[in-house]
Amino acid sequence: MDTIKLHKREIETSSGRKFGIQKTLVRFSVLAAISVIIEFFIEVLSRFSFVDACSFLWNSPAMFLFNALIIFATLCISVFFRRSLFVAIITGFIWVALGVVNCVILTSRTLPFAASDILLVPETIVIMPLYFSVWQIMGIVLLAVAVVVGSIFMFKRLPKSEPDYLSAALGIGVSAVIIAVTLFTGLRDVNISPNLVEGYDKYGFPYSFSMSLFNKGIRRPEDYSEEGIAAFAERIDIENDDAATPCAVDSPNIIMLQLESFFDAKNIKGAEYSTDPVPVFSKLREEYESGMLTVPTADGGTISTEFEVLTGMSLDYFAPGEYPYNTYLRSDTCESIAYNLRERGYRASVIHNFERDFYARETVFGNLGFEEFTALEQMENVEYNELGWARDIALLDEIKRVLSESDGRDFVYGISVQEHGKYPTEPIEYERHVTVSGIEDPEQLASVEYYVNQLYETDMFLGELVEYLESYDEPVMLVMFGDHMPDLSLTAEDLTKGNEFTTEYVIWTNYAEPEQGRDLNSYQLSAVVLEHAGFANGVMTKVHQRLSDDEDYSEVMRLIEYDLMCGDRYIYGGEEKYIPVDLALD
């Protein structure tokens, strides 16, 4: 009898194990299927096309499944909890929500959603009225409320189950091993930047977003060492601050204008205009030093270009989608043209016709060496365009004020905003200086026509500024450049010259004959400006002025940037060279 009972118990135990294994396999199969569905849905959203998502699945099945595996690994976490179904639903919803956010962001700025954007939530709330109607904002709020209420309802109503720690550990462990092996073999040298749009399209949203979440800063170069940095310091003659060519005058005032979405719209193929949208800029380009400017971003991402221009550093070496304004410069200082010019006795000021706390500029500019920041809050009698952006003419009086208040030389960095998108796709009422024809798509025509009329007004502002500076009793260098292409989804095929990553620059002075222009990267612009002013101080300045023709130029940049931003700052003798400036918010 005892033998029969023992045998029966063994059968029940064996059956229990088989049932447990079957239950685990079913659970993992369901999670895997859900992961594939979520991944496909996210790719449809990010590509705005069911067909393109199918193409990604067909042409890159391994990458598609790898993205699904990332989602699957996070869903496996739910098995650790008694409310496993609730946790699984919430985890899946988070992935879907990320895909939706990415889709919305792509429609408003054309750059995909990266982890660093999470830090921009306060700034995003500020500008929502400029992108969404009142009804759309109310809809977003109601949706958020519905999600919270629904989550509470599910938490209370969904069934509980005993946690299966072994199964959860097994699922996460196997997924982690596969992910790690893939990352350190097939994807080790993959870089989804600098063109994030292409990177996200090629490698999928879950992987690309995850890389932006876990990567930060510049990857440590294998050859990074104190001795190596010392060798580069010797190559750039770190102690020698003499410029290669002296300036025609003694320390000219320097004004740099970062013009929002500014480029010559005459470069759009097929577009015809009743008059030149940028007559002043066109004239200056022909008569003074000018060239194409390659920028790190397309259709949006102003602070990416701003960072490169001010610091002389390339974002190519940073983590995908990273904004150093968020990850470093909120709490740390960095070499910049402002610090370099202050070493030469200049007063460094910033003027921007938008909110001062946008992109944390009220903190960042102090860490970049500026002494004064005048933003929209301090400006009077500001006029706004039909989309709610301040007109750029507001910068004129502020530039005059800064120049008049200083007894010495000034460095003024102006940031305009008037041409900011997203542009209307239907005709609206506004003062038309330029009419457009030759574009068949009525929505594109409406967007281009609105844009070029904003462009025309900014160009008129440039004309008034140049007229004022022509008779100014001190030498002035005026540098004008576009921060990125307008949000019109233009590519190289749509343009007569350049591409979606190029704008233009002009360097005008009231004291010297113009020089021959050349095409530049945005991180080289300040070094050229300093060279024209007769200065060579600053590590990145020397790198650009003295090594730009060397074969290992980019490698030197990468090494020096790592040392300055993420390393031990051997180039400064291991010490902090710059201290934050108490920024006056006038």
Protein backbone atom coordinates (compact mmCIF):
# COMPACT_ATOMS: atom_id res chain seq x y z
CA MET A 1 0.00 0.00 0.00
CA ASP A 2 2.82 2.41 0.92
CA THR A 3 4.50 1.61 -2.38
CA ILE A 4 1.31 2.47 -4.28
CA LYS A 5 0.94 5.79 -2.41
CA LEU A 6 4.57 6.68 -3.08
CA HIS A 7 4.19 5.86 -6.75
CA LYS A 8 1.01 7.94 -6.92
CA ARG A 9 2.78 10.89 -5.28
CA GLU A 10 5.61 10.62 -7.78
CA ILE A 11 3.12 10.67 -10.63
CA GLU A 12 1.39 13.75 -9.18
CA THR A 13 4.73 15.49 -8.68
CA SER A 14 5.80 14.66 -12.21
CA SER A 15 2.48 15.89 -13.55
CA GLY A 16 2.84 19.07 -11.53
CA ARG A 17 6.27 19.70 -12.96
CA LYS A 18 5.01 19.10 -16.48
CA PHE A 19 2.07 21.44 -15.87
CA GLY A 20 4.41 24.05 -14.41
CA ILE A 21 6.72 23.80 -17.42
CA GLN A 22 3.80 23.98 -19.80
CA LYS A 23 2.42 27.00 -17.94
CA THR A 24 5.80 28.70 -18.10
CA LEU A 25 6.15 27.98 -21.83
CA VAL A 26 2.65 29.30 -22.49
CA ARG A 27 3.34 32.44 -20.45
CA PHE A 28 6.60 33.13 -22.27
CA SER A 29 4.99 32.40 -25.63
CA VAL A 30 2.25 34.93 -24.90
CA LEU A 31 4.79 37.54 -23.78
CA ALA A 32 6.89 36.89 -26.89
CA ALA A 33 3.86 37.27 -29.16
CA ILE A 34 2.87 40.51 -27.40
CA SER A 35 6.44 41.79 -27.78
CA VAL A 36 6.38 41.17 -31.53
CA ILE A 37 3.01 42.92 -31.86
CA ILE A 38 4.17 45.92 -29.82
CA GLU A 39 7.41 46.17 -31.81
CA PHE A 40 5.56 46.11 -35.11
CA PHE A 41 3.06 48.73 -33.91
CA ILE A 42 5.89 50.98 -32.73
CA GLU A 43 7.66 50.71 -36.07
CA VAL A 44 4.44 51.61 -37.89
CA LEU A 45 4.19 54.73 -35.75
CA SER A 46 7.84 55.73 -36.13
CA ARG A 47 7.75 55.27 -39.91
CA PHE A 48 4.22 56.63 -40.43
CA SER A 49 3.64 53.64 -42.68
CA PHE A 50 2.37 50.07 -42.33
CA VAL A 51 4.21 49.18 -45.54
CA ASP A 52 7.54 50.60 -44.29
CA ALA A 53 7.17 48.65 -41.05
CA CYS A 54 6.61 45.47 -43.09
CA SER A 55 9.68 46.37 -45.15
CA PHE A 56 11.76 46.68 -41.97
CA LEU A 57 10.53 43.27 -40.84
CA TRP A 58 11.21 41.70 -44.25
CA ASN A 59 14.61 43.29 -44.93
CA SER A 60 15.97 43.23 -41.36
CA PRO A 61 14.26 40.32 -39.60
CA ALA A 62 17.12 39.81 -37.14
CA MET A 63 17.05 43.47 -36.12
CA PHE A 64 13.27 43.39 -35.84
CA LEU A 65 13.39 40.35 -33.55
CA PHE A 66 16.20 41.92 -31.54
CA ASN A 67 13.98 44.93 -30.87
CA ALA A 68 11.14 42.60 -29.90
CA LEU A 69 13.56 40.77 -27.57
CA ILE A 70 14.30 44.04 -25.75
CA ILE A 71 10.57 44.51 -25.17
CA PHE A 72 10.23 40.84 -24.16
CA ALA A 73 12.97 41.19 -21.53
CA THR A 74 11.12 44.08 -19.88
CA LEU A 75 7.81 42.21 -19.99
CA CYS A 76 9.42 39.26 -18.19
CA ILE A 77 9.85 41.48 -15.15
CA SER A 78 6.11 41.17 -14.59
CA VAL A 79 6.52 37.50 -13.60
CA PHE A 80 8.28 38.62 -10.41
CA PHE A 81 5.05 40.25 -9.14
CA ARG A 82 1.81 38.88 -7.72
CA ARG A 83 -0.01 41.33 -9.98
CA SER A 84 1.91 40.03 -12.97
CA LEU A 85 -0.86 40.73 -15.48
CA PHE A 86 -1.17 44.33 -14.33
CA VAL A 87 2.61 44.88 -14.48
CA ALA A 88 2.78 43.29 -17.94
CA ILE A 89 0.00 45.54 -19.24
CA ILE A 90 1.61 48.67 -17.79
CA THR A 91 5.03 47.70 -19.19
CA GLY A 92 3.56 47.11 -22.63
CA PHE A 93 1.63 50.36 -22.40
CA ILE A 94 4.86 52.24 -21.58
CA TRP A 95 6.46 50.89 -24.76
CA VAL A 96 3.42 51.86 -26.81
CA ALA A 97 3.38 55.30 -25.16
CA LEU A 98 7.05 55.79 -26.05
CA GLY A 99 6.20 54.92 -29.64
CA VAL A 100 3.33 57.39 -29.68
CA VAL A 101 5.51 60.14 -28.17
CA ASN A 102 8.16 59.42 -30.80
CA CYS A 103 5.51 59.68 -33.53
CA VAL A 104 4.25 63.02 -32.19
CA ILE A 105 7.78 64.41 -31.84
CA LEU A 106 8.62 63.36 -35.39
CA THR A 107 5.64 65.31 -36.70
CA SER A 108 6.73 68.47 -34.88
CA ARG A 109 10.51 68.50 -35.19
CA THR A 110 11.40 65.50 -37.43
CA LEU A 111 14.01 64.27 -34.92
CA PRO A 112 13.18 61.00 -33.10
CA PHE A 113 12.57 60.69 -29.38
CA ALA A 114 15.76 60.14 -27.38
CA ALA A 115 16.27 59.65 -23.65
CA SER A 116 17.69 63.14 -23.21
CA ASP A 117 14.32 64.53 -24.31
CA ILE A 118 12.84 63.31 -21.03
CA LEU A 119 14.74 66.11 -19.30
CA LEU A 120 13.00 68.59 -21.59
CA VAL A 121 9.51 67.90 -20.25
CA PRO A 122 9.24 71.28 -18.43
CA GLU A 123 10.35 73.10 -21.59
CA THR A 124 7.95 71.04 -23.69
CA ILE A 125 5.02 72.07 -21.50
CA VAL A 126 5.99 75.73 -22.02
CA ILE A 127 5.83 75.55 -25.82
CA MET A 128 2.82 73.22 -26.17
CA PRO A 129 0.46 76.13 -26.98
CA LEU A 130 2.70 76.97 -29.95
CA TYR A 131 2.26 73.49 -31.43
CA PHE A 132 -1.17 72.35 -30.25
CA SER A 133 -4.58 73.98 -30.15
CA VAL A 134 -6.48 74.41 -26.88
CA TRP A 135 -8.72 71.47 -27.80
CA GLN A 136 -5.71 69.26 -28.55
CA ILE A 137 -4.12 70.14 -25.22
CA MET A 138 -7.40 69.40 -23.43
CA GLY A 139 -7.54 66.08 -25.25
CA ILE A 140 -4.02 65.22 -24.09
CA VAL A 141 -4.91 66.10 -20.49
CA LEU A 142 -8.11 64.04 -20.64
CA LEU A 143 -6.19 61.11 -22.12
CA ALA A 144 -3.63 61.32 -19.30
CA VAL A 145 -6.44 61.35 -16.73
CA ALA A 146 -8.08 58.37 -18.44
CA VAL A 147 -4.80 56.45 -18.32
CA VAL A 148 -4.40 57.11 -14.60
CA VAL A 149 -8.01 56.13 -13.83
CA GLY A 150 -7.73 53.04 -16.02
CA SER A 151 -4.50 52.00 -14.32
CA ILE A 152 -6.12 52.31 -10.89
CA PHE A 153 -9.12 50.26 -12.07
CA MET A 154 -6.88 47.52 -13.49
CA PHE A 155 -4.75 47.45 -10.34
CA LYS A 156 -7.83 46.71 -8.24
CA ARG A 157 -9.66 44.39 -10.63
CA LEU A 158 -7.08 42.24 -12.39
CA PRO A 159 -6.38 38.82 -10.80
CA LYS A 160 -3.31 38.04 -8.74
CA SER A 161 -0.99 35.07 -9.08
CA GLU A 162 1.94 33.64 -7.19
CA PRO A 163 5.24 35.07 -8.42
CA ASP A 164 7.35 32.65 -10.45
CA TYR A 165 10.83 33.88 -9.58
CA LEU A 166 12.63 31.06 -11.37
CA SER A 167 10.75 31.59 -14.63
CA ALA A 168 11.20 35.36 -14.46
CA ALA A 169 14.92 35.02 -13.80
CA LEU A 170 15.19 32.49 -16.61
CA GLY A 171 13.38 34.71 -19.13
CA ILE A 172 15.31 37.85 -18.23
CA GLY A 173 18.60 35.97 -17.99
CA VAL A 174 18.34 34.32 -21.39
CA SER A 175 17.20 37.61 -22.97
CA ALA A 176 20.06 39.50 -21.30
CA VAL A 177 22.63 37.01 -22.55
CA ILE A 178 21.33 37.19 -26.12
CA ILE A 179 21.19 40.99 -25.98
CA ALA A 180 24.71 41.23 -24.51
CA VAL A 181 26.19 38.85 -27.06
CA THR A 182 24.50 40.76 -29.89
CA LEU A 183 25.67 44.13 -28.57
CA PHE A 184 29.27 43.02 -28.15
CA THR A 185 29.47 41.26 -31.50
CA GLY A 186 27.14 42.30 -34.30
CA LEU A 187 26.23 45.76 -32.92
CA ARG A 188 29.44 46.69 -31.13
CA ASP A 189 30.54 49.33 -33.61
CA VAL A 190 27.06 50.54 -34.57
CA ASN A 191 26.51 54.27 -34.16
CA ILE A 192 22.97 55.56 -34.66
CA SER A 193 24.16 59.18 -34.67
CA PRO A 194 24.73 61.79 -36.00
CA ASN A 195 21.76 61.23 -38.32
CA LEU A 196 19.27 59.96 -35.75
CA VAL A 197 16.45 59.68 -38.26
CA GLU A 198 18.42 57.23 -40.39
CA GLY A 199 19.72 55.43 -37.30
CA TYR A 200 16.27 54.88 -35.84
CA ASP A 201 14.93 53.75 -39.23
CA LYS A 202 17.76 51.30 -39.74
CA TYR A 203 17.94 49.79 -36.25
CA GLY A 204 14.41 50.22 -34.89
CA PHE A 205 12.98 52.34 -32.10
CA PRO A 206 13.39 50.08 -29.00
CA TYR A 207 17.10 49.50 -29.66
CA SER A 208 17.84 53.09 -30.65
CA PHE A 209 15.94 54.57 -27.71
CA SER A 210 17.60 52.10 -25.32
CA MET A 211 21.03 53.12 -26.59
CA SER A 212 20.20 56.77 -25.97
CA LEU A 213 18.98 55.82 -22.49
CA PHE A 214 22.09 53.96 -21.36
CA ASN A 215 24.77 55.80 -23.33
CA LYS A 216 26.00 59.16 -22.14
CA GLY A 217 28.90 61.35 -23.05
CA ILE A 218 31.82 60.23 -25.17
CA ARG A 219 33.08 56.66 -25.17
CA ARG A 220 36.56 56.46 -23.64
CA PRO A 221 39.11 56.18 -26.47
CA GLU A 222 41.36 53.15 -26.16
CA ASP A 223 44.46 55.31 -26.60
CA TYR A 224 43.44 57.87 -23.97
CA SER A 225 46.29 58.61 -21.54
CA GLU A 226 48.04 61.53 -19.91
CA GLU A 227 51.05 60.97 -22.15
CA GLY A 228 48.89 60.92 -25.26
CA ILE A 229 47.17 64.17 -24.33
CA ALA A 230 50.54 65.75 -23.60
CA ALA A 231 51.70 64.79 -27.09
CA PHE A 232 48.67 66.46 -28.64
CA ALA A 233 49.19 69.52 -26.45
CA GLU A 234 52.67 69.79 -27.92
CA ARG A 235 51.32 69.41 -31.45
CA ILE A 236 48.87 72.29 -31.07
CA ASP A 237 51.48 74.37 -29.21
CA ILE A 238 49.15 74.76 -26.25
CA GLU A 239 51.09 77.62 -24.62
CA ASN A 240 51.19 79.72 -27.80
CA ASP A 241 48.12 81.94 -28.13
CA ASP A 242 49.34 83.84 -31.18
CA ALA A 243 47.01 83.70 -34.15
CA ALA A 244 48.38 82.75 -37.55
CA THR A 245 47.28 86.07 -39.04
CA PRO A 246 46.86 89.34 -37.12
CA CYS A 247 43.55 91.18 -37.17
CA ALA A 248 43.17 94.35 -39.26
CA VAL A 249 42.01 96.22 -36.15
CA ASP A 250 42.57 95.88 -32.42
CA SER A 251 39.95 93.61 -30.84
CA PRO A 252 36.76 94.20 -32.84
CA ASN A 253 33.37 93.84 -31.24
CA ILE A 254 31.96 90.45 -32.26
CA ILE A 255 28.28 89.73 -32.83
CA MET A 256 27.20 86.22 -33.74
CA LEU A 257 23.59 85.74 -34.84
CA GLN A 258 22.21 82.21 -34.68
CA LEU A 259 19.21 82.48 -37.00
CA GLU A 260 16.35 80.06 -36.44
CA SER A 261 15.68 77.81 -39.48
CA PHE A 262 17.42 80.33 -41.74
CA PHE A 263 18.54 79.44 -45.25
CA ASP A 264 18.13 80.83 -48.75
CA ALA A 265 14.73 79.49 -49.83
CA LYS A 266 15.68 80.15 -53.47
CA ASN A 267 17.52 76.82 -53.19
CA ILE A 268 14.21 74.90 -53.11
CA LYS A 269 13.80 73.26 -56.50
CA GLY A 270 10.75 74.39 -58.46
CA ALA A 271 9.80 77.19 -56.09
CA GLU A 272 9.36 80.63 -57.66
CA TYR A 273 9.07 83.89 -55.72
CA SER A 274 7.60 87.29 -56.46
CA THR A 275 10.74 88.80 -54.91
CA ASP A 276 13.93 87.56 -53.29
CA PRO A 277 12.99 86.21 -49.81
CA VAL A 278 16.42 87.18 -48.43
CA PRO A 279 17.70 90.19 -50.42
CA VAL A 280 19.98 91.47 -47.65
CA PHE A 281 21.55 88.09 -46.92
CA SER A 282 21.98 87.42 -50.66
CA LYS A 283 23.82 90.71 -51.12
CA LEU A 284 26.05 90.19 -48.09
CA ARG A 285 26.83 86.64 -49.21
CA GLU A 286 28.04 87.90 -52.55
CA GLU A 287 30.13 90.76 -51.15
CA TYR A 288 31.58 89.29 -47.95
CA GLU A 289 33.07 86.09 -46.64
CA SER A 290 30.51 83.28 -46.79
CA GLY A 291 30.07 79.56 -47.29
CA MET A 292 28.03 76.48 -46.53
CA LEU A 293 27.75 75.46 -42.89
CA THR A 294 27.29 71.78 -42.02
CA VAL A 295 25.24 71.47 -38.83
CA PRO A 296 24.56 68.40 -36.63
CA THR A 297 20.79 68.47 -36.90
CA ALA A 298 17.99 68.78 -39.45
CA ASP A 299 14.63 70.56 -39.20
CA GLY A 300 15.05 71.09 -35.43
CA GLY A 301 17.41 70.66 -32.49
CA THR A 302 18.66 74.23 -32.19
CA ILE A 303 20.81 73.57 -29.12
CA SER A 304 22.83 70.95 -30.98
CA THR A 305 24.16 73.57 -33.39
CA GLU A 306 24.37 76.11 -30.58
CA PHE A 307 26.56 73.78 -28.53
CA GLU A 308 28.90 73.07 -31.43
CA VAL A 309 29.30 76.74 -32.35
CA LEU A 310 29.90 77.93 -28.79
CA THR A 311 32.28 75.14 -27.72
CA GLY A 312 33.99 74.08 -30.94
CA MET A 313 33.11 70.45 -30.12
CA SER A 314 31.48 67.96 -32.46
CA LEU A 315 28.41 66.08 -31.26
CA ASP A 316 29.38 63.14 -33.48
CA TYR A 317 31.39 61.69 -30.59
CA PHE A 318 28.62 61.99 -27.99
CA ALA A 319 25.93 59.43 -27.25
CA PRO A 320 23.06 59.26 -29.75
CA GLY A 321 20.58 62.10 -29.36
CA GLU A 322 22.46 63.59 -26.42
CA TYR A 323 22.10 67.26 -25.58
CA PRO A 324 25.12 68.30 -23.47
CA TYR A 325 23.00 71.22 -22.26
CA ASN A 326 21.01 68.61 -20.31
CA THR A 327 23.66 66.07 -19.35
CA TYR A 328 26.72 68.21 -18.56
CA LEU A 329 26.28 71.94 -18.75
CA ARG A 330 23.53 72.25 -16.17
CA SER A 331 26.13 71.45 -13.52
CA ASP A 332 29.57 71.80 -15.09
CA THR A 333 31.56 74.35 -17.07
CA CYS A 334 33.02 73.96 -20.52
CA GLU A 335 35.50 75.82 -22.67
CA SER A 336 33.71 78.18 -25.05
CA ILE A 337 34.22 81.20 -27.25
CA ALA A 338 32.70 83.29 -24.44
CA TYR A 339 35.42 82.19 -21.99
CA ASN A 340 38.07 82.66 -24.68
CA LEU A 341 36.99 86.21 -25.47
CA ARG A 342 36.62 87.15 -21.80
CA GLU A 343 40.29 86.20 -21.42
CA ARG A 344 40.92 88.95 -23.98
CA GLY A 345 38.93 91.53 -22.03
CA TYR A 346 35.56 91.15 -23.75
CA ARG A 347 32.17 91.34 -22.09
CA ALA A 348 30.09 88.31 -23.13
CA SER A 349 26.32 88.66 -23.52
CA VAL A 350 23.47 86.56 -24.88
CA ILE A 351 20.22 87.87 -26.36
CA HIS A 352 17.30 85.58 -27.17
CA ASN A 353 13.69 86.49 -27.99
CA PHE A 354 12.23 83.47 -26.17
CA GLU A 355 11.85 82.26 -22.57
CA ARG A 356 15.15 82.25 -20.72
CA ASP A 357 14.61 78.88 -19.00
CA PHE A 358 14.08 77.01 -22.28
CA TYR A 359 16.78 74.30 -22.56
CA ALA A 360 17.97 75.49 -19.11
CA ARG A 361 19.82 78.34 -20.79
CA GLU A 362 19.56 80.53 -17.70
CA THR A 363 21.92 78.01 -16.03
CA VAL A 364 23.90 76.75 -19.02
CA PHE A 365 25.01 80.15 -20.27
CA GLY A 366 26.69 80.90 -16.95
CA ASN A 367 28.59 77.62 -17.28
CA LEU A 368 29.63 78.65 -20.78
CA GLY A 369 31.19 81.89 -19.59
CA PHE A 370 28.52 84.46 -20.42
CA GLU A 371 27.97 87.36 -18.04
CA GLU A 372 24.57 88.65 -19.14
CA PHE A 373 21.48 87.00 -20.61
CA THR A 374 18.61 89.06 -21.96
CA ALA A 375 15.59 86.93 -22.83
CA LEU A 376 12.01 87.53 -23.87
CA GLU A 377 10.91 88.24 -20.28
CA GLN A 378 13.07 91.37 -20.19
CA MET A 379 12.13 92.73 -23.62
CA GLU A 380 9.54 95.45 -24.15
CA ASN A 381 7.12 96.10 -27.01
CA VAL A 382 7.73 92.68 -28.55
CA GLU A 383 5.71 91.82 -31.64
CA TYR A 384 4.60 88.24 -32.35
CA ASN A 385 3.90 86.44 -35.59
CA GLU A 386 0.76 84.47 -36.37
CA LEU A 387 2.11 81.27 -34.78
CA GLY A 388 2.99 83.04 -31.52
CA TRP A 389 6.76 83.36 -31.96
CA ALA A 390 8.42 86.69 -31.19
CA ARG A 391 9.55 88.60 -34.26
CA ASP A 392 13.31 88.89 -34.64
CA ILE A 393 13.28 92.67 -34.89
CA ALA A 394 13.11 92.56 -31.07
CA LEU A 395 16.82 91.66 -31.08
CA LEU A 396 17.83 94.94 -32.73
CA ASP A 397 17.24 97.31 -29.81
CA GLU A 398 18.78 94.83 -27.38
CA ILE A 399 21.98 94.56 -29.44
CA LYS A 400 22.17 98.36 -29.60
CA ARG A 401 21.66 98.56 -25.84
CA VAL A 402 24.41 96.06 -25.04
CA LEU A 403 26.89 97.83 -27.31
CA SER A 404 26.08 101.25 -25.87
CA GLU A 405 26.31 100.15 -22.23
CA SER A 406 29.85 98.80 -22.51
CA ASP A 407 33.00 100.90 -22.46
CA GLY A 408 35.14 98.04 -23.73
CA ARG A 409 34.75 95.39 -26.40
CA ASP A 410 31.65 93.19 -26.57
CA PHE A 411 30.90 89.66 -27.63
CA VAL A 412 27.18 89.34 -28.29
CA TYR A 413 25.55 86.02 -29.15
CA GLY A 414 22.05 86.52 -30.51
CA ILE A 415 19.55 83.69 -30.92
CA SER A 416 16.52 84.34 -33.10
CA VAL A 417 13.21 82.44 -33.09
CA GLN A 418 10.75 83.94 -35.57
CA GLU A 419 11.00 81.27 -38.31
CA HIS A 420 10.33 78.44 -35.87
CA GLY A 421 7.95 75.74 -37.22
CA LYS A 422 5.74 73.87 -37.48
CA TYR A 423 4.34 75.85 -40.40
CA PRO A 424 0.66 76.00 -41.38
CA THR A 425 -0.44 73.61 -44.12
CA GLU A 426 -3.42 75.75 -45.05
CA PRO A 427 -3.45 79.45 -46.02
CA ILE A 428 -3.81 81.77 -43.02
CA GLU A 429 -4.03 85.54 -42.68
CA TYR A 430 -0.69 87.36 -42.41
CA GLU A 431 1.16 90.18 -44.15
CA ARG A 432 2.58 88.77 -47.38
CA HIS A 433 5.83 90.29 -48.58
CA VAL A 434 6.55 87.37 -50.90
CA THR A 435 4.20 85.16 -52.89
CA VAL A 436 5.23 81.66 -53.92
CA SER A 437 4.39 79.57 -56.96
CA GLY A 438 5.73 76.47 -58.68
CA ILE A 439 4.92 74.07 -55.83
CA GLU A 440 2.11 71.68 -56.74
CA ASP A 441 1.27 70.29 -53.29
CA PRO A 442 -1.11 72.88 -51.71
CA GLU A 443 -0.07 71.98 -48.14
CA GLN A 444 3.63 72.31 -48.98
CA LEU A 445 2.90 75.56 -50.82
CA ALA A 446 1.14 77.02 -47.77
CA SER A 447 4.02 76.00 -45.50
CA VAL A 448 6.74 77.36 -47.79
CA GLU A 449 4.90 80.64 -48.38
CA TYR A 450 4.40 81.24 -44.67
CA TYR A 451 8.04 80.34 -43.96
CA VAL A 452 9.55 82.61 -46.62
CA ASN A 453 7.50 85.57 -45.36
CA GLN A 454 8.93 85.06 -41.88
CA LEU A 455 12.33 84.70 -43.52
CA TYR A 456 11.85 87.99 -45.34
CA GLU A 457 11.10 89.83 -42.09
CA THR A 458 14.20 88.42 -40.40
CA ASP A 459 16.23 89.45 -43.44
CA MET A 460 14.90 92.99 -43.05
CA PHE A 461 16.07 92.90 -39.43
CA LEU A 462 19.55 91.94 -40.68
CA GLY A 463 19.45 94.90 -43.04
CA GLU A 464 18.61 97.33 -40.25
CA LEU A 465 21.33 95.88 -38.04
CA VAL A 466 23.99 96.15 -40.76
CA GLU A 467 22.92 99.73 -41.50
CA TYR A 468 23.34 100.59 -37.81
CA LEU A 469 26.72 98.88 -37.54
CA GLU A 470 28.08 100.49 -40.72
CA SER A 471 28.18 103.85 -38.94
CA TYR A 472 29.06 102.46 -35.49
CA ASP A 473 32.16 104.20 -34.13
CA GLU A 474 33.92 100.95 -33.15
CA PRO A 475 35.07 98.03 -35.30
CA VAL A 476 32.47 95.27 -35.49
CA MET A 477 32.47 91.74 -36.89
CA LEU A 478 28.98 90.39 -37.57
CA VAL A 479 28.57 86.64 -38.11
CA MET A 480 25.20 85.38 -39.37
CA PHE A 481 24.32 81.70 -39.77
CA GLY A 482 21.35 79.36 -39.84
CA ASP A 483 21.06 76.88 -37.00
CA HIS A 484 19.37 74.20 -39.11
CA MET A 485 17.08 73.76 -42.09
CA PRO A 486 13.41 74.74 -41.70
CA ASP A 487 10.89 72.06 -40.79
CA LEU A 488 9.80 71.51 -44.37
CA SER A 489 11.06 67.91 -44.72
CA LEU A 490 13.53 68.95 -47.42
CA THR A 491 16.29 66.60 -48.57
CA ALA A 492 19.22 66.99 -50.95
CA GLU A 493 16.94 65.95 -53.83
CA ASP A 494 14.70 68.95 -53.12
CA LEU A 495 17.55 71.49 -53.12
CA THR A 496 19.74 73.10 -55.76
CA LYS A 497 22.71 73.01 -53.37
CA GLY A 498 23.48 71.59 -49.96
CA ASN A 499 21.36 69.04 -48.12
CA GLU A 500 19.19 68.73 -45.02
CA PHE A 501 22.28 69.21 -42.81
CA THR A 502 23.63 72.40 -44.39
CA THR A 503 22.79 76.05 -43.95
CA GLU A 504 24.89 79.11 -44.81
CA TYR A 505 26.97 81.70 -42.99
CA VAL A 506 28.24 85.21 -43.73
CA ILE A 507 30.98 87.15 -41.93
CA TRP A 508 30.59 90.92 -42.35
CA THR A 509 32.80 93.65 -40.88
CA ASN A 510 32.73 97.44 -40.92
CA TYR A 511 36.51 97.75 -41.03
CA ALA A 512 38.19 95.43 -43.55
CA GLU A 513 38.06 94.01 -47.04
CA PRO A 514 36.21 90.69 -47.25
CA GLU A 515 38.18 87.46 -47.32
CA GLN A 516 37.65 84.34 -49.38
CA GLY A 517 34.99 82.13 -47.86
CA ARG A 518 35.07 78.38 -47.34
CA ASP A 519 32.66 75.68 -46.31
CA LEU A 520 32.74 74.89 -42.59
CA ASN A 521 31.30 72.60 -39.95
CA SER A 522 29.43 74.41 -37.21
CA TYR A 523 32.06 73.35 -34.63
CA GLN A 524 34.72 75.20 -36.69
CA LEU A 525 32.90 78.52 -36.96
CA SER A 526 34.03 80.07 -33.68
CA ALA A 527 37.67 79.17 -34.34
CA VAL A 528 37.43 80.99 -37.68
CA VAL A 529 35.83 83.99 -35.99
CA LEU A 530 38.58 84.10 -33.36
CA GLU A 531 41.21 83.75 -36.07
CA HIS A 532 39.77 86.76 -37.91
CA ALA A 533 39.87 88.69 -34.63
CA GLY A 534 43.55 87.80 -34.19
CA PHE A 535 43.07 85.30 -31.35
CA ALA A 536 44.11 81.67 -30.89
CA ASN A 537 43.41 80.99 -27.21
CA GLY A 538 41.42 77.93 -26.22
CA VAL A 539 42.21 74.26 -26.72
CA MET A 540 39.52 73.56 -29.31
CA THR A 541 40.40 76.83 -31.04
CA LYS A 542 43.97 75.63 -31.51
CA VAL A 543 42.85 72.19 -32.68
CA HIS A 544 40.71 73.74 -35.44
CA GLN A 545 43.13 76.49 -36.40
CA ARG A 546 46.28 74.36 -36.44
CA LEU A 547 45.27 70.75 -37.17
CA SER A 548 42.23 70.94 -39.46
CA ASP A 549 44.27 69.83 -42.47
CA ASP A 550 45.91 66.89 -40.67
CA GLU A 551 44.84 63.33 -41.50
CA ASP A 552 44.06 62.52 -37.86
CA TYR A 553 42.12 65.75 -37.27
CA SER A 554 38.92 63.95 -36.28
CA GLU A 555 40.75 61.55 -33.97
CA VAL A 556 42.45 64.46 -32.22
CA MET A 557 39.07 66.12 -31.78
CA ARG A 558 37.57 62.95 -30.31
CA LEU A 559 40.44 62.51 -27.85
CA ILE A 560 40.51 66.15 -26.74
CA GLU A 561 36.72 66.31 -26.41
CA TYR A 562 36.74 63.22 -24.22
CA ASP A 563 39.47 64.72 -22.04
CA LEU A 564 37.58 68.00 -21.65
CA MET A 565 34.07 66.61 -21.11
CA CYS A 566 34.43 63.12 -19.64
CA GLY A 567 38.09 62.54 -18.82
CA ASP A 568 40.63 63.86 -16.35
CA ARG A 569 41.33 67.13 -18.18
CA TYR A 570 44.98 66.33 -18.64
CA ILE A 571 45.12 69.13 -21.19
CA TYR A 572 44.62 71.57 -18.28
CA GLY A 573 47.09 69.75 -16.05
CA GLY A 574 44.29 67.79 -14.39
CA GLU A 575 42.66 70.91 -12.96
CA GLU A 576 39.39 72.78 -13.50
CA LYS A 577 40.21 75.78 -15.66
CA TYR A 578 36.84 77.52 -15.74
CA ILE A 579 34.52 78.52 -12.94
CA PRO A 580 30.79 79.24 -13.42
CA VAL A 581 29.88 82.85 -14.05
CA ASP A 582 27.18 84.55 -12.00
CA LEU A 583 24.91 85.17 -14.97
CA ALA A 584 23.03 88.47 -14.86
CA LEU A 585 19.48 88.00 -16.13
CA ASP A 586 18.90 91.56 -17.31
